[in-house]
Amino acid sequence: TENKKPDFILFNKPKGYTCSKADPHNQIFYSLLPEAFKNYYYIGRLDKESRGLILLAKNPGTVHEFEHPSSKITKEYLITLNRPFNRELKKKILAGIWEGGEFLRTLSLQQAESGKLNIVLNEGKKRHIRRIFKALGYEVIDLKRIRIGDYILGDLKEGERKVPESKEK
């Protein structure tokens, strides 16, 4: 069964594409996929300005398993801010902040290379990371998701896809 479509693929979404099946005003990331994968369901919506790992599943039940709040699957990001991060704010971010009537927090926040921050979430409200930093007077100028659960972006190039190796970690 060489022509059998995989149940699951990893995709590196470039900046400038929306996570939508159809959007008359924006480029959709599905336009970067071969026809065979256009009926797959995405896991891990990223806004148009963000880039990085999205999972694509043939079965909608897989999406539910990953995205249901009880799953507690973590997602990891590398972000760049418009100015150096004030480390005094780390405790505040980890404790959580109220923004737009929602409580937003991160599981972890670490300094990474080249002034970037590494952030881990176990929930993902709309524009979660961008909203946290905006509330503290920062602008996120680059946001790249590098991991969803056990699936790692690694060296997958933007706009490319691959089938994960058996239980890739």
Protein backbone atom coordinates (compact mmCIF):
# COMPACT_ATOMS: atom_id res chain seq x y z
CA THR A 1 0.00 0.00 0.00
CA GLU A 2 2.53 2.59 -1.15
CA ASN A 3 -0.25 5.02 -2.04
CA LYS A 4 -1.77 4.88 1.44
CA LYS A 5 -1.92 8.39 2.89
CA PRO A 6 -0.32 8.76 6.33
CA ASP A 7 -2.61 9.31 9.33
CA PHE A 8 -0.52 12.22 10.45
CA ILE A 9 1.99 14.75 9.09
CA LEU A 10 4.14 17.53 10.52
CA PHE A 11 4.07 20.85 8.66
CA ASN A 12 6.18 24.00 9.10
CA LYS A 13 3.79 26.92 8.52
CA PRO A 14 5.49 30.05 7.21
CA LYS A 15 4.57 33.53 8.41
CA GLY A 16 1.92 35.22 6.25
CA TYR A 17 -0.47 32.26 5.93
CA THR A 18 -3.70 31.74 7.86
CA CYS A 19 -4.86 28.49 9.45
CA SER A 20 -8.11 28.15 7.58
CA LYS A 21 -9.61 25.93 4.89
CA ALA A 22 -10.85 29.03 3.01
CA ASP A 23 -10.18 32.74 3.43
CA PRO A 24 -10.93 35.08 0.51
CA HIS A 25 -8.70 37.84 1.94
CA ASN A 26 -5.58 35.92 2.95
CA GLN A 27 -3.26 33.17 1.79
CA ILE A 28 -4.11 29.87 3.49
CA PHE A 29 -1.45 27.36 4.44
CA TYR A 30 -3.42 24.58 2.72
CA SER A 31 -2.36 26.20 -0.59
CA LEU A 32 1.18 24.96 0.19
CA LEU A 33 0.05 21.33 0.46
CA PRO A 34 -0.46 18.76 -2.29
CA GLU A 35 -4.09 17.99 -3.10
CA ALA A 36 -3.87 14.68 -1.19
CA PHE A 37 -3.51 16.52 2.16
CA LYS A 38 -6.05 19.31 1.69
CA ASN A 39 -8.77 17.33 3.51
CA TYR A 40 -6.59 16.82 6.61
CA TYR A 41 -7.48 18.58 9.86
CA TYR A 42 -4.94 20.85 11.48
CA ILE A 43 -3.88 20.70 15.11
CA GLY A 44 -2.41 23.80 16.69
CA ARG A 45 -3.75 26.91 14.97
CA LEU A 46 -1.17 29.67 14.51
CA ASP A 47 -2.10 33.25 13.64
CA LYS A 48 -1.02 34.79 10.34
CA GLU A 49 2.04 36.50 11.86
CA SER A 50 3.29 33.29 13.52
CA ARG A 51 5.26 30.41 12.05
CA GLY A 52 6.27 26.91 12.97
CA LEU A 53 4.92 23.47 13.71
CA ILE A 54 1.37 22.46 12.85
CA LEU A 55 0.22 18.85 12.91
CA LEU A 56 -2.15 17.57 10.23
CA ALA A 57 -4.36 14.57 10.92
CA LYS A 58 -6.55 12.49 8.62
CA ASN A 59 -8.98 11.74 11.47
CA PRO A 60 -10.89 14.56 13.23
CA GLY A 61 -10.86 12.48 16.43
CA THR A 62 -7.09 12.95 16.60
CA VAL A 63 -7.62 16.72 16.63
CA HIS A 64 -9.99 16.38 19.60
CA GLU A 65 -7.44 14.21 21.49
CA PHE A 66 -4.75 16.86 21.06
CA GLU A 67 -6.79 20.00 21.60
CA HIS A 68 -9.15 19.03 24.41
CA PRO A 69 -8.10 20.91 27.60
CA SER A 70 -7.90 17.64 29.55
CA SER A 71 -5.09 16.41 27.26
CA LYS A 72 -2.59 18.84 28.86
CA ILE A 73 -0.37 18.46 25.77
CA THR A 74 2.32 21.11 25.92
CA LYS A 75 3.38 23.40 23.09
CA GLU A 76 6.76 25.08 22.98
CA TYR A 77 7.65 28.37 21.30
CA LEU A 78 10.69 30.54 20.58
CA ILE A 79 9.84 34.23 20.56
CA THR A 80 11.65 37.48 19.87
CA LEU A 81 10.50 40.70 21.51
CA ASN A 82 10.90 44.27 20.26
CA ARG A 83 13.28 45.07 23.14
CA PRO A 84 15.26 43.21 25.82
CA PHE A 85 13.14 41.27 28.29
CA ASN A 86 13.04 42.51 31.89
CA ARG A 87 13.68 39.36 33.94
CA GLU A 88 11.80 40.92 36.87
CA LEU A 89 8.60 40.15 34.93
CA LYS A 90 9.23 36.39 34.75
CA LYS A 91 7.44 35.61 38.05
CA LYS A 92 4.45 37.73 37.02
CA ILE A 93 4.12 35.89 33.70
CA LEU A 94 4.46 32.46 35.34
CA ALA A 95 1.83 33.41 37.95
CA GLY A 96 -0.47 34.60 35.17
CA ILE A 97 -2.07 37.86 34.15
CA TRP A 98 -5.60 38.98 33.35
CA GLU A 99 -5.98 40.36 29.84
CA GLY A 100 -9.20 40.92 27.93
CA GLY A 101 -11.23 39.12 30.60
CA GLU A 102 -9.10 35.96 30.38
CA PHE A 103 -6.43 34.57 32.68
CA LEU A 104 -3.26 33.94 30.66
CA ARG A 105 -0.11 32.20 31.87
CA THR A 106 2.78 30.07 30.73
CA LEU A 107 4.10 26.80 32.18
CA SER A 108 7.68 27.92 31.71
CA LEU A 109 9.67 30.86 30.41
CA GLN A 110 13.43 30.66 29.84
CA GLN A 111 16.06 32.83 28.15
CA ALA A 112 17.17 31.19 24.91
CA GLU A 113 19.94 32.02 22.44
CA SER A 114 20.28 35.46 20.83
CA GLY A 115 17.91 37.23 23.23
CA LYS A 116 14.99 34.96 22.37
CA LEU A 117 12.64 33.53 24.98
CA ASN A 118 11.55 29.89 25.16
CA ILE A 119 7.95 29.52 26.32
CA VAL A 120 5.88 26.42 27.09
CA LEU A 121 2.06 26.45 27.25
CA ASN A 122 -0.43 23.71 28.06
CA GLU A 123 -3.38 25.73 26.78
CA GLY A 124 -3.68 28.08 23.87
CA LYS A 125 -6.14 30.92 23.98
CA LYS A 126 -6.35 33.20 20.96
CA ARG A 127 -3.06 35.11 20.52
CA HIS A 128 -2.10 33.91 24.03
CA ILE A 129 1.62 34.76 23.98
CA ARG A 130 1.23 38.02 22.06
CA ARG A 131 -1.44 39.20 24.52
CA ILE A 132 0.68 38.44 27.60
CA PHE A 133 3.60 40.47 26.33
CA LYS A 134 1.46 43.30 24.94
CA ALA A 135 -0.12 43.70 28.39
CA LEU A 136 3.41 44.16 29.76
CA GLY A 137 4.41 46.73 27.15
CA TYR A 138 6.23 44.47 24.68
CA GLU A 139 5.60 43.52 21.09
CA VAL A 140 6.30 39.97 19.89
CA ILE A 141 8.13 40.45 16.59
CA ASP A 142 8.71 36.75 15.88
CA LEU A 143 6.84 33.72 17.21
CA LYS A 144 7.86 30.22 16.14
CA ARG A 145 6.31 27.03 17.53
CA ILE A 146 8.99 24.36 17.82
CA ARG A 147 7.11 21.52 19.56
CA ILE A 148 3.61 20.07 20.09
CA GLY A 149 3.64 17.25 22.65
CA ASP A 150 6.30 14.76 21.53
CA TYR A 151 6.47 16.16 17.98
CA ILE A 152 9.41 18.46 17.28
CA LEU A 153 9.84 20.85 14.35
CA GLY A 154 13.57 20.15 14.16
CA ASP A 155 15.14 21.14 10.85
CA LEU A 156 11.93 20.92 8.79
CA LYS A 157 12.06 23.90 6.42
CA GLU A 158 9.23 26.45 6.16
CA GLY A 159 6.45 25.29 3.86
CA GLU A 160 7.60 21.67 4.02
CA ARG A 161 5.97 18.61 5.52
CA LYS A 162 7.03 15.18 6.67
CA VAL A 163 5.55 12.02 8.09
CA PRO A 164 6.76 11.62 11.68
CA GLU A 165 8.94 8.64 12.37
CA SER A 166 7.30 6.06 14.62
CA LYS A 167 6.73 7.86 17.91
CA GLU A 168 9.15 10.64 16.97
CA LYS A 169 10.35 12.47 20.06
